[in-house]
Amino acid sequence: MKSHRKVVAAAAALVTVAALTGCAAGGGSNGKVELRVATFPPGADAAAYTAFETQEAQFEKLNPGIDIVGVEYEWKGPTFAVQLAGGSLPDVFTVPFTDAKTLLENGQLMDVTKEMDALGYTDKFNPIILDAVTDKDGNKFGFPRQAYAMGLHYNRDLFTQAGLDPDSPPTTWDEVRQDAKIIAEKTGKAGYAQMTKGNTGGWQLTAGTVAHGGRTQTDNGDGTYTSTINNDGTKADLQFLHDARWEDNSMGSNFLLDWGGINQEFAAGNIGMYTSGSDVYTALVRDFGMKPEQYGLTVVPTDGADPGTLGGGDIAVMSPAIDDQTKAAGVKWIDWYYMQKLLNETAAKADAKALSDSDQAVGTPVLPVLDQATYEESQKWIAEYVNVPVDQMKPFFDNIFSQTPVAEPKGHTQEIYALLDAVVQKVLTDKNADIDALLTQADKDAQALLDS
């Protein structure tokens, strides 16, 4: 297939220093503008590339002067900075909301203000989401393309095997703990699992903090931030993990899981429940081979004085090192591949059909990056192609809009997530871990980062 050949070719090109440093030349050997675009994480199945192949051909037919080169891509906090500095990223790639502010302030993203305004939909974005790529002067440095709320993902087969009702997932943290213990005792699998490394431990601890009514950081409104990691919400989440691990023995034996690792274990039927973004169903089925009938989704339980659900997403961006030709091609690709399916009925149906025809997920739960009216209309456009098990996600759909969305902390987000990885790992590997002392030190370390 064309995309597979191009991914291999692009991967081989990454070892050529000359191809990675300096400005992209823009022109290919056939006289076309060669545009290297992010596709899927390593390991994605052939069907994903079949769908991409269809979309790639559609785009190139509309834009005969552009040659799309698909490049395997997966954002990982610890390695992203190295890839960025080394020039080994595609021309068009995606970054989490949490990284965008730092990247644009460091001059590492392409300014697309004029291009976005010319396309005519700047004002259609959710302003809170658009803020993630807007500098203090109002300039825009990327296109928000998808958002999510945190969800509690559960394996319906393991629920059934444990004698639990998969249509009635837990609604409180006490129920999560009870169900996890039953799953572990009845099936021998981990009833509940937690991400702990590659910045994901800190990410999920932050999500748990918010769900328990706490916040890990305060925005002072003047460009400075105060660390508030040591709060009752964070303590409650760590205590839950400690008790599930040491008192209930319901968390299995692997305490070094990142996003890919926990998805692989969950898809393989080794984990009963875990928290992650609500949009992960696509990756679970497409990249990790989970059977759709095994999947269940509900909201993350909330308690405490001011609970909410952590939200996030990612943004389609370009490097400021590419030339004008490549930038223009990149904007066309971003608009066509990411945005028009959210804005235009014909494009939405074409995208949904291409995905559906290749057995890819259509209708995965997300939060709209555009205004609510536009989002609701777009869902009507694609209704005939929705192929995800919506009924198995009903507990999420029924309850998510009653929860308060909370944005991820903005100051040195990934670095602070990284230092919180160690806190989560300590609690899960040391029965006598002093949670108060760990959080006191984490607050000091985080504040040092924020003050730097």
Foldseek 3Di string as FASTA:
>chain_A
DVQVVLQVVLVVCLVPLVCQDFAHPQADPVRAGEFEEEAEAPQFDPLSVQLVVVVQVVLCVVVVRYHYRYHYDDDFQVCPVVCLVSRSDTQKYKDWLQCQVVCVVVQFFDFCQVVVVVVPCPVQFDVVSQVSQQDPVGIGGFAFFFKFWKWKKFFCVLCVQLVHHLLDQDQALVSLLVQLLSSCVRPVFQAEEAAQASLRNLVVLQQQLQQAPHHQWDDPPPLFIAGDLLDPSSVVSLVSLLCSCPVRVRGDDDRHHHPVRVLLCVQVVRYGIYMDTQQCPQCSCRRNNHDLVGIAIAHDHHHHDRHFIEMIGMTITGTNRYDPSNVVVSSSCCCQVRNCLLAPLVSVQVSLCSCLVSVGADDRDTDDRGDPVSNVVSCVSNVVSHDHPVSRHVNHVVPRVVGHYDYQDRAPSSVLSRLCSVVSSCSNPPSPDDNSVSSVVSSVVVNVSSVD
